[in-house]
Amino acid sequence: MRSRVELKSPSSTRDSTGQLSFSYSSQGNVWAEIEQAVTDVTLAEGVDQLDSYTISIHFDPSLAISKGWQVVHGSNTYEVITVDSNDDIRETITMTARFLR
């Protein structure tokens, strides 16, 4: 694991007009491995390719990472799409994420 990243969990609140507002809270910094991957995605129009990233961190049972979390690496922010915590082995948590532009 070569990259230091910040993990952020989403939370939502309603503003004074009743609109849903999202914010992210830091859940700490961890070491991670970030690799670009190309994933085939089936859309209504057919199969397309999605530029995605595989982000792996050391297993930590205190982290309940799920879809919608963010991983921040320098000026780059990634949104978590899927999480595989591999509970049987308990060595790594592997996430598939998309780069937020």
Protein backbone atom coordinates (compact mmCIF):
# COMPACT_ATOMS: atom_id res chain seq x y z
CA MET A 1 0.00 0.00 0.00
CA ARG A 2 1.68 3.14 -1.27
CA SER A 3 -0.89 5.94 -1.21
CA ARG A 4 -2.22 7.81 1.80
CA VAL A 5 -5.96 8.46 1.36
CA GLU A 6 -8.78 9.96 3.39
CA LEU A 7 -12.05 8.04 3.75
CA LYS A 8 -15.27 10.06 3.93
CA SER A 9 -18.75 8.82 4.77
CA PRO A 10 -21.89 10.55 3.48
CA SER A 11 -24.64 12.01 5.61
CA SER A 12 -27.80 13.81 4.60
CA THR A 13 -29.81 16.57 6.23
CA ARG A 14 -32.80 18.65 5.23
CA ASP A 15 -32.32 22.39 4.84
CA SER A 16 -34.87 25.03 5.87
CA THR A 17 -36.78 24.57 2.60
CA GLY A 18 -36.96 20.78 3.01
CA GLN A 19 -34.38 20.02 0.32
CA LEU A 20 -32.07 17.08 0.96
CA SER A 21 -28.45 18.17 1.36
CA PHE A 22 -25.45 15.82 1.39
CA SER A 23 -22.16 16.32 3.19
CA TYR A 24 -19.19 14.07 3.90
CA SER A 25 -17.44 13.43 7.22
CA SER A 26 -13.85 12.26 7.47
CA GLN A 27 -13.48 8.75 8.86
CA GLY A 28 -9.69 8.93 8.95
CA ASN A 29 -6.62 8.39 6.82
CA VAL A 30 -5.35 4.99 5.71
CA TRP A 31 -2.77 3.52 3.36
CA ALA A 32 -4.24 2.29 0.08
CA GLU A 33 -3.39 0.83 -3.30
CA ILE A 34 -5.18 2.54 -6.22
CA GLU A 35 -5.26 0.92 -9.66
CA GLN A 36 -7.17 1.97 -12.76
CA ALA A 37 -9.43 -0.71 -14.18
CA VAL A 38 -11.76 -0.87 -17.16
CA THR A 39 -15.09 -2.49 -16.43
CA ASP A 40 -17.76 -3.52 -18.92
CA VAL A 41 -21.13 -2.12 -17.85
CA THR A 42 -24.44 -3.12 -19.39
CA LEU A 43 -26.62 -0.10 -20.04
CA ALA A 44 -30.02 0.19 -21.67
CA GLU A 45 -28.22 1.10 -24.90
CA GLY A 46 -25.90 -1.92 -24.73
CA VAL A 47 -22.49 -2.68 -23.27
CA ASP A 48 -20.28 0.27 -22.46
CA GLN A 49 -16.94 0.62 -20.73
CA LEU A 50 -16.67 2.50 -17.46
CA ASP A 51 -13.32 3.84 -16.29
CA SER A 52 -13.19 2.66 -12.73
CA TYR A 53 -10.59 2.24 -10.05
CA THR A 54 -9.84 -0.58 -7.66
CA ILE A 55 -8.88 0.74 -4.24
CA SER A 56 -7.58 -1.69 -1.62
CA ILE A 57 -6.95 -0.95 2.04
CA HIS A 58 -5.98 -3.12 5.00
CA PHE A 59 -8.98 -4.77 6.65
CA ASP A 60 -10.38 -2.72 9.53
CA PRO A 61 -13.55 -4.02 11.21
CA SER A 62 -14.34 -0.53 12.55
CA LEU A 63 -14.89 0.80 9.01
CA ALA A 64 -18.36 0.15 7.60
CA ILE A 65 -17.50 1.34 4.09
CA SER A 66 -20.41 1.16 1.67
CA LYS A 67 -21.61 2.52 -1.65
CA GLY A 68 -21.51 6.32 -1.71
CA TRP A 69 -18.43 6.79 0.47
CA GLN A 70 -15.61 8.90 -0.94
CA VAL A 71 -11.89 8.22 -1.11
CA VAL A 72 -9.73 11.34 -1.39
CA HIS A 73 -6.17 11.05 -2.70
CA GLY A 74 -4.48 14.43 -3.07
CA SER A 75 -6.72 16.49 -5.33
CA ASN A 76 -8.52 13.40 -6.69
CA THR A 77 -11.83 12.23 -5.26
CA TYR A 78 -13.35 8.80 -5.98
CA GLU A 79 -16.90 7.62 -5.22
CA VAL A 80 -17.25 4.05 -3.98
CA ILE A 81 -19.52 1.91 -6.19
CA THR A 82 -19.02 -1.54 -4.63
CA VAL A 83 -17.21 -2.95 -1.60
CA ASP A 84 -15.79 -6.44 -1.01
CA SER A 85 -14.55 -6.74 2.56
CA ASN A 86 -13.65 -10.43 2.13
CA ASP A 87 -14.76 -11.23 5.69
CA ASP A 88 -13.39 -14.78 5.53
CA ILE A 89 -9.77 -13.74 4.99
CA ARG A 90 -9.87 -10.36 6.82
CA GLU A 91 -6.80 -9.01 5.09
CA THR A 92 -8.09 -6.31 2.75
CA ILE A 93 -11.14 -4.28 1.88
CA THR A 94 -11.39 -3.86 -1.89
CA MET A 95 -13.55 -1.14 -3.39
CA THR A 96 -14.54 -0.35 -6.95
CA ALA A 97 -14.82 3.41 -7.38
CA ARG A 98 -15.36 6.01 -10.06
CA PHE A 99 -13.38 9.21 -10.43
CA LEU A 100 -15.44 12.31 -9.64
CA ARG A 101 -14.77 15.15 -12.08
